[in-house]
């Protein structure tokens, strides 16, 4: 869903941004899509709105399972968060089970495309610290 290849599949299914997809390589398509949305391309903006609903659906499933207070979105696509994250946030907070008693904050990480690497490194450091404390 939220991958470089997934964006192309979604655009194809929606019949949006076909010319853009043909002009850009699969690797460059997300960046081209973002720039098109920034330039006011209606199809690109509609694409990100639908993408936001789909991300919101996934976040809703996670929230129903884990009941978090906050969800932080990162990775390469987080650079386009201004176009899809408000939609995902609204979808999540309109559809999750505890919506009448709790609102979940949805934010973009400051680590951008490096969020996965930073998270993995943080986990390693925590495990190492716990192992040192146990010995």
C-alpha atoms as a PDB file:
ATOM      1  CA  UNK A   1       0.000   0.000   0.000  1.00  0.00           C
ATOM      2  CA  UNK A   2       2.498   2.619   1.119  1.00  0.00           C
ATOM      3  CA  UNK A   3       5.407   1.715  -1.101  1.00  0.00           C
ATOM      4  CA  UNK A   4       6.865   3.090  -4.282  1.00  0.00           C
ATOM      5  CA  UNK A   5       5.282   0.273  -6.295  1.00  0.00           C
ATOM      6  CA  UNK A   6       2.032   0.544  -4.356  1.00  0.00           C
ATOM      7  CA  UNK A   7       1.600   4.167  -5.400  1.00  0.00           C
ATOM      8  CA  UNK A   8       1.777   3.202  -9.053  1.00  0.00           C
ATOM      9  CA  UNK A   9      -0.782   0.433  -8.563  1.00  0.00           C
ATOM     10  CA  UNK A  10      -3.182   2.756  -6.743  1.00  0.00           C
ATOM     11  CA  UNK A  11      -2.829   5.430  -9.424  1.00  0.00           C
ATOM     12  CA  UNK A  12      -3.503   2.820 -12.110  1.00  0.00           C
ATOM     13  CA  UNK A  13      -6.594   1.462 -10.342  1.00  0.00           C
ATOM     14  CA  UNK A  14      -7.970   4.965  -9.874  1.00  0.00           C
ATOM     15  CA  UNK A  15      -7.170   5.980 -13.440  1.00  0.00           C
ATOM     16  CA  UNK A  16      -5.242   8.995 -12.150  1.00  0.00           C
ATOM     17  CA  UNK A  17      -1.842  10.378 -13.119  1.00  0.00           C
ATOM     18  CA  UNK A  18      -1.370   7.951 -16.022  1.00  0.00           C
ATOM     19  CA  UNK A  19       0.713  10.374 -18.076  1.00  0.00           C
ATOM     20  CA  UNK A  20       2.859  11.140 -15.056  1.00  0.00           C
ATOM     21  CA  UNK A  21       3.373   7.437 -14.358  1.00  0.00           C
ATOM     22  CA  UNK A  22       4.408   6.851 -17.962  1.00  0.00           C
ATOM     23  CA  UNK A  23       6.817   9.803 -17.989  1.00  0.00           C
ATOM     24  CA  UNK A  24       8.521   8.994 -14.667  1.00  0.00           C
ATOM     25  CA  UNK A  25      10.367   5.820 -13.810  1.00  0.00           C
ATOM     26  CA  UNK A  26       8.753   3.728 -11.037  1.00  0.00           C
ATOM     27  CA  UNK A  27      11.524   4.934  -8.727  1.00  0.00           C
ATOM     28  CA  UNK A  28      10.839   8.606  -9.511  1.00  0.00           C
ATOM     29  CA  UNK A  29       7.027   8.388  -9.651  1.00  0.00           C
ATOM     30  CA  UNK A  30       6.387   9.251  -5.961  1.00  0.00           C
ATOM     31  CA  UNK A  31       8.575  12.349  -6.184  1.00  0.00           C
ATOM     32  CA  UNK A  32       6.941  13.398  -9.472  1.00  0.00           C
ATOM     33  CA  UNK A  33       3.508  12.831  -7.913  1.00  0.00           C
ATOM     34  CA  UNK A  34       4.439  14.998  -4.924  1.00  0.00           C
ATOM     35  CA  UNK A  35       5.705  17.819  -7.148  1.00  0.00           C
ATOM     36  CA  UNK A  36       2.573  17.607  -9.292  1.00  0.00           C
ATOM     37  CA  UNK A  37       0.384  17.914  -6.182  1.00  0.00           C
ATOM     38  CA  UNK A  38       2.472  20.852  -4.962  1.00  0.00           C
ATOM     39  CA  UNK A  39       1.941  22.509  -8.346  1.00  0.00           C
ATOM     40  CA  UNK A  40      -1.829  22.095  -7.954  1.00  0.00           C
ATOM     41  CA  UNK A  41      -2.395  19.144 -10.319  1.00  0.00           C
ATOM     42  CA  UNK A  42      -5.962  18.040  -9.512  1.00  0.00           C
ATOM     43  CA  UNK A  43      -5.347  14.376 -10.291  1.00  0.00           C
ATOM     44  CA  UNK A  44      -2.292  14.269  -8.026  1.00  0.00           C
ATOM     45  CA  UNK A  45      -4.211  15.950  -5.197  1.00  0.00           C
ATOM     46  CA  UNK A  46      -7.126  13.499  -5.665  1.00  0.00           C
ATOM     47  CA  UNK A  47      -4.629  10.649  -5.660  1.00  0.00           C
ATOM     48  CA  UNK A  48      -3.182  11.732  -2.304  1.00  0.00           C
ATOM     49  CA  UNK A  49      -6.684  12.141  -0.874  1.00  0.00           C
ATOM     50  CA  UNK A  50      -7.480   8.523  -1.761  1.00  0.00           C
ATOM     51  CA  UNK A  51      -4.062   7.423  -0.548  1.00  0.00           C
ATOM     52  CA  UNK A  52      -4.787   9.198   2.754  1.00  0.00           C
ATOM     53  CA  UNK A  53      -8.049   7.259   3.132  1.00  0.00           C
ATOM     54  CA  UNK A  54      -6.213   4.003   2.556  1.00  0.00           C
ATOM     55  CA  UNK A  55      -3.482   4.901   5.040  1.00  0.00           C
ATOM     56  CA  UNK A  56      -6.211   5.956   7.491  1.00  0.00           C
ATOM     57  CA  UNK A  57      -7.842   2.538   7.101  1.00  0.00           C
ATOM     58  CA  UNK A  58      -4.575   0.808   7.985  1.00  0.00           C
ATOM     59  CA  UNK A  59      -4.033   3.166  10.932  1.00  0.00           C
ATOM     60  CA  UNK A  60      -7.573   2.400  12.116  1.00  0.00           C
ATOM     61  CA  UNK A  61      -6.840  -1.321  12.149  1.00  0.00           C
ATOM     62  CA  UNK A  62      -3.647  -0.703  14.121  1.00  0.00           C
ATOM     63  CA  UNK A  63      -5.441   1.623  16.547  1.00  0.00           C
ATOM     64  CA  UNK A  64      -8.221  -0.900  17.147  1.00  0.00           C
ATOM     65  CA  UNK A  65      -5.586  -3.474  18.025  1.00  0.00           C
ATOM     66  CA  UNK A  66      -3.170  -1.337  20.057  1.00  0.00           C
ATOM     67  CA  UNK A  67      -5.134   1.744  21.267  1.00  0.00           C
ATOM     68  CA  UNK A  68      -2.161   4.130  21.028  1.00  0.00           C
ATOM     69  CA  UNK A  69      -2.179   7.748  22.125  1.00  0.00           C
ATOM     70  CA  UNK A  70      -0.059   8.839  19.171  1.00  0.00           C
ATOM     71  CA  UNK A  71       0.906   7.453  15.752  1.00  0.00           C
ATOM     72  CA  UNK A  72       4.052   8.753  14.062  1.00  0.00           C
ATOM     73  CA  UNK A  73       4.400   8.239  10.315  1.00  0.00           C
ATOM     74  CA  UNK A  74       7.831   8.151   8.699  1.00  0.00           C
ATOM     75  CA  UNK A  75       9.703   6.849   5.723  1.00  0.00           C
ATOM     76  CA  UNK A  76      10.219   8.152   2.224  1.00  0.00           C
ATOM     77  CA  UNK A  77       6.578   8.987   1.589  1.00  0.00           C
ATOM     78  CA  UNK A  78       6.332  11.106   4.730  1.00  0.00           C
ATOM     79  CA  UNK A  79       7.725  14.000   2.685  1.00  0.00           C
ATOM     80  CA  UNK A  80       4.303  14.217   1.040  1.00  0.00           C
ATOM     81  CA  UNK A  81       2.488  14.061   4.380  1.00  0.00           C
ATOM     82  CA  UNK A  82       0.903  17.481   3.874  1.00  0.00           C
ATOM     83  CA  UNK A  83      -1.238  15.942   1.126  1.00  0.00           C
ATOM     84  CA  UNK A  84      -2.336  12.672   2.745  1.00  0.00           C
ATOM     85  CA  UNK A  85      -1.782  12.784   6.504  1.00  0.00           C
ATOM     86  CA  UNK A  86      -4.686  15.131   7.366  1.00  0.00           C
ATOM     87  CA  UNK A  87      -7.022  12.785   5.466  1.00  0.00           C
ATOM     88  CA  UNK A  88      -5.542   9.714   7.196  1.00  0.00           C
ATOM     89  CA  UNK A  89      -5.830  11.409  10.603  1.00  0.00           C
ATOM     90  CA  UNK A  90      -9.481  12.353  10.015  1.00  0.00           C
ATOM     91  CA  UNK A  91     -10.340   8.863   8.715  1.00  0.00           C
ATOM     92  CA  UNK A  92      -8.700   7.197  11.716  1.00  0.00           C
ATOM     93  CA  UNK A  93     -10.400   9.407  14.270  1.00  0.00           C
ATOM     94  CA  UNK A  94     -13.809   8.992  12.599  1.00  0.00           C
ATOM     95  CA  UNK A  95     -13.656   5.196  12.351  1.00  0.00           C
ATOM     96  CA  UNK A  96     -11.734   3.635  15.205  1.00  0.00           C
ATOM     97  CA  UNK A  97     -13.521   1.861  18.047  1.00  0.00           C
ATOM     98  CA  UNK A  98     -12.709   4.280  20.899  1.00  0.00           C
ATOM     99  CA  UNK A  99     -13.358   7.442  18.852  1.00  0.00           C
ATOM    100  CA  UNK A 100     -16.022   8.740  21.253  1.00  0.00           C
ATOM    101  CA  UNK A 101     -13.691   8.671  24.261  1.00  0.00           C
ATOM    102  CA  UNK A 102     -10.225   9.272  22.829  1.00  0.00           C
ATOM    103  CA  UNK A 103      -8.547  11.063  19.925  1.00  0.00           C
ATOM    104  CA  UNK A 104      -5.286   9.730  18.515  1.00  0.00           C
ATOM    105  CA  UNK A 105      -2.709  12.258  17.380  1.00  0.00           C
ATOM    106  CA  UNK A 106      -1.177  11.448  13.985  1.00  0.00           C
ATOM    107  CA  UNK A 107       2.120  13.133  13.204  1.00  0.00           C
ATOM    108  CA  UNK A 108       4.963  13.023  10.718  1.00  0.00           C
ATOM    109  CA  UNK A 109       8.381  12.147  12.079  1.00  0.00           C
ATOM    110  CA  UNK A 110      11.232  14.581  11.727  1.00  0.00           C
ATOM    111  CA  UNK A 111      13.473  11.738  10.556  1.00  0.00           C
ATOM    112  CA  UNK A 112      11.760  11.479   7.140  1.00  0.00           C
ATOM    113  CA  UNK A 113      13.108   8.711   4.949  1.00  0.00           C
ATOM    114  CA  UNK A 114      15.578   7.686   7.665  1.00  0.00           C
ATOM    115  CA  UNK A 115      12.875   6.872  10.241  1.00  0.00           C
ATOM    116  CA  UNK A 116      13.253   3.098   9.858  1.00  0.00           C
ATOM    117  CA  UNK A 117      17.014   3.234  10.253  1.00  0.00           C
ATOM    118  CA  UNK A 118      16.819   5.521  13.285  1.00  0.00           C
ATOM    119  CA  UNK A 119      14.156   3.307  14.889  1.00  0.00           C
ATOM    120  CA  UNK A 120      16.202   0.155  14.317  1.00  0.00           C
ATOM    121  CA  UNK A 121      19.330   1.771  15.759  1.00  0.00           C
ATOM    122  CA  UNK A 122      17.351   2.980  18.776  1.00  0.00           C
ATOM    123  CA  UNK A 123      16.043  -0.529  19.387  1.00  0.00           C
ATOM    124  CA  UNK A 124      19.572  -1.979  19.237  1.00  0.00           C
ATOM    125  CA  UNK A 125      20.776   0.610  21.746  1.00  0.00           C
ATOM    126  CA  UNK A 126      17.881  -0.210  24.094  1.00  0.00           C
ATOM    127  CA  UNK A 127      18.578  -3.942  23.873  1.00  0.00           C
ATOM    128  CA  UNK A 128      22.290  -3.402  24.510  1.00  0.00           C
ATOM    129  CA  UNK A 129      21.525  -1.165  27.518  1.00  0.00           C
ATOM    130  CA  UNK A 130      19.124  -3.756  28.925  1.00  0.00           C
ATOM    131  CA  UNK A 131      21.704  -6.521  28.438  1.00  0.00           C
ATOM    132  CA  UNK A 132      24.355  -4.478  30.251  1.00  0.00           C
ATOM    133  CA  UNK A 133      21.956  -3.776  33.080  1.00  0.00           C
ATOM    134  CA  UNK A 134      21.143  -7.478  33.447  1.00  0.00           C
ATOM    135  CA  UNK A 135      24.771  -8.545  33.728  1.00  0.00           C
END
